[in-house]
Each structure stands twice: as C-alpha cells, then as structure tokens.
Amino acid sequence: MKRKVTKNGAAPGLAKGQLWKLNHAYIQIVELGKRLIHYKMMTQPGETGVRTQMSGIETMLVYLKTRHAELVKGGSAG
C-alpha cells in the first residue's frame, strides 16, 4: 500500500505545530519528516516539561483516527 506524500515528502493531514485533542490527552506535532514524526503528548495544552517522543507517521495517523482525535489548532504547511 502506497501512501500519498506532499511536495516536501510529509504525509497529508499532519503539519508542524498542530494540536490534536483526544479523550485523555493532547498531542502536539513538533517536527515532521518523510517517515518519522516528533510529537509531545500532554494532559493540558501548553503544558511544560513534556518529553518529545518519536513515532512513524503511519502509526500516528492510525492512532489519531482510532482515537477520534479532533484538530484544535492547525500548523504550518511547510
């Protein structure tokens, strides 16, 4: 299965700076590469001292979809 990629190689739907709301937490996209995503998972938006984690983009897209995440704040397109 091939995934669609944008001009810079990132998956569509995710962008640096986005804030996603889940039932139990928030996920903020810190960096977005061709295959990996750096993100912070926090209990409240703007929380400090949160460790940056890394995951595959496809894994994050599936996680956000299965958890019915809502986009709270859009990020930069590039």
C-alpha atoms as a PDB file:
ATOM      1  CA  MET A   1       0.000   0.000   0.000  1.00  0.00           C
ATOM      2  CA  LYS A   2       1.478   3.322  -1.039  1.00  0.00           C
ATOM      3  CA  ARG A   3       0.777   6.476   0.883  1.00  0.00           C
ATOM      4  CA  LYS A   4       0.310   9.886  -0.648  1.00  0.00           C
ATOM      5  CA  VAL A   5       3.056  12.380   0.041  1.00  0.00           C
ATOM      6  CA  THR A   6       3.186  16.126  -0.275  1.00  0.00           C
ATOM      7  CA  LYS A   7       5.831  18.179  -2.077  1.00  0.00           C
ATOM      8  CA  ASN A   8       8.195  18.084   0.914  1.00  0.00           C
ATOM      9  CA  GLY A   9       7.664  14.339   1.452  1.00  0.00           C
ATOM     10  CA  ALA A  10       5.391  14.544   4.509  1.00  0.00           C
ATOM     11  CA  ALA A  11       2.060  12.770   4.788  1.00  0.00           C
ATOM     12  CA  PRO A  12      -1.056  14.863   4.130  1.00  0.00           C
ATOM     13  CA  GLY A  13      -3.155  15.869   7.123  1.00  0.00           C
ATOM     14  CA  LEU A  14      -0.272  16.397   9.539  1.00  0.00           C
ATOM     15  CA  ALA A  15       1.766  19.581   9.889  1.00  0.00           C
ATOM     16  CA  LYS A  16       4.287  21.041  12.293  1.00  0.00           C
ATOM     17  CA  GLY A  17       2.590  22.916  15.124  1.00  0.00           C
ATOM     18  CA  GLN A  18      -0.758  21.121  15.002  1.00  0.00           C
ATOM     19  CA  LEU A  19      -2.525  20.369  18.287  1.00  0.00           C
ATOM     20  CA  TRP A  20      -4.821  17.323  18.403  1.00  0.00           C
ATOM     21  CA  LYS A  21      -7.328  16.650  21.197  1.00  0.00           C
ATOM     22  CA  LEU A  22      -8.045  13.110  22.359  1.00  0.00           C
ATOM     23  CA  ASN A  23     -10.313  11.943  25.171  1.00  0.00           C
ATOM     24  CA  HIS A  24      -7.464  11.704  27.679  1.00  0.00           C
ATOM     25  CA  ALA A  25      -4.682  13.899  26.283  1.00  0.00           C
ATOM     26  CA  TYR A  26      -3.434  16.361  23.684  1.00  0.00           C
ATOM     27  CA  ILE A  27      -0.818  15.650  21.004  1.00  0.00           C
ATOM     28  CA  GLN A  28       1.291  18.475  19.588  1.00  0.00           C
ATOM     29  CA  ILE A  29       3.282  17.895  16.393  1.00  0.00           C
ATOM     30  CA  VAL A  30       6.825  19.213  16.934  1.00  0.00           C
ATOM     31  CA  GLU A  31       8.614  18.094  13.748  1.00  0.00           C
ATOM     32  CA  LEU A  32       7.508  16.181  10.679  1.00  0.00           C
ATOM     33  CA  GLY A  33       9.854  14.287   8.385  1.00  0.00           C
ATOM     34  CA  LYS A  34       9.391  11.915   5.468  1.00  0.00           C
ATOM     35  CA  ARG A  35       8.813   8.843   7.648  1.00  0.00           C
ATOM     36  CA  LEU A  36       9.029   9.950  11.279  1.00  0.00           C
ATOM     37  CA  ILE A  37       7.119  12.399  13.434  1.00  0.00           C
ATOM     38  CA  HIS A  38       8.262  14.098  16.642  1.00  0.00           C
ATOM     39  CA  TYR A  39       5.399  14.879  18.999  1.00  0.00           C
ATOM     40  CA  LYS A  40       4.547  15.773  22.584  1.00  0.00           C
ATOM     41  CA  MET A  41       1.709  14.090  24.458  1.00  0.00           C
ATOM     42  CA  MET A  42       0.345  16.218  27.293  1.00  0.00           C
ATOM     43  CA  THR A  43      -2.670  16.316  29.593  1.00  0.00           C
ATOM     44  CA  GLN A  44      -3.314  20.059  29.064  1.00  0.00           C
ATOM     45  CA  PRO A  45      -2.410  22.290  26.092  1.00  0.00           C
ATOM     46  CA  GLY A  46       0.701  24.375  26.689  1.00  0.00           C
ATOM     47  CA  GLU A  47       1.976  22.077  29.432  1.00  0.00           C
ATOM     48  CA  THR A  48       5.728  22.491  30.029  1.00  0.00           C
ATOM     49  CA  GLY A  49       8.345  19.872  30.831  1.00  0.00           C
ATOM     50  CA  VAL A  50       6.865  17.307  28.453  1.00  0.00           C
ATOM     51  CA  ARG A  51       9.224  14.867  26.760  1.00  0.00           C
ATOM     52  CA  THR A  52       9.309  14.843  22.947  1.00  0.00           C
ATOM     53  CA  GLN A  53       8.600  11.391  21.529  1.00  0.00           C
ATOM     54  CA  MET A  54       9.106   9.914  18.068  1.00  0.00           C
ATOM     55  CA  SER A  55       6.935   7.579  16.004  1.00  0.00           C
ATOM     56  CA  GLY A  56       6.266   6.578  12.427  1.00  0.00           C
ATOM     57  CA  ILE A  57       3.864   8.850  10.542  1.00  0.00           C
ATOM     58  CA  GLU A  58       1.591   5.976   9.514  1.00  0.00           C
ATOM     59  CA  THR A  59       1.407   4.809  13.137  1.00  0.00           C
ATOM     60  CA  MET A  60       0.423   8.300  14.298  1.00  0.00           C
ATOM     61  CA  LEU A  61      -2.237   8.666  11.589  1.00  0.00           C
ATOM     62  CA  VAL A  62      -3.799   5.340  12.614  1.00  0.00           C
ATOM     63  CA  TYR A  63      -3.609   6.318  16.308  1.00  0.00           C
ATOM     64  CA  LEU A  64      -5.321   9.670  15.717  1.00  0.00           C
ATOM     65  CA  LYS A  65      -8.015   8.044  13.585  1.00  0.00           C
ATOM     66  CA  THR A  66      -8.799   5.206  16.012  1.00  0.00           C
ATOM     67  CA  ARG A  67      -8.899   7.614  18.976  1.00  0.00           C
ATOM     68  CA  HIS A  68     -11.238  10.007  17.078  1.00  0.00           C
ATOM     69  CA  ALA A  69      -8.839  12.917  17.596  1.00  0.00           C
ATOM     70  CA  GLU A  70     -10.011  16.435  16.812  1.00  0.00           C
ATOM     71  CA  LEU A  71      -7.734  19.124  15.401  1.00  0.00           C
ATOM     72  CA  VAL A  72      -7.667  22.007  17.888  1.00  0.00           C
ATOM     73  CA  LYS A  73      -5.015  24.196  16.250  1.00  0.00           C
ATOM     74  CA  GLY A  74      -3.698  23.964  12.712  1.00  0.00           C
ATOM     75  CA  GLY A  75       0.006  24.109  11.989  1.00  0.00           C
ATOM     76  CA  SER A  76       2.255  25.499   9.304  1.00  0.00           C
ATOM     77  CA  ALA A  77       2.043  23.897   5.882  1.00  0.00           C
ATOM     78  CA  GLY A  78       5.759  23.801   5.320  1.00  0.00           C
END
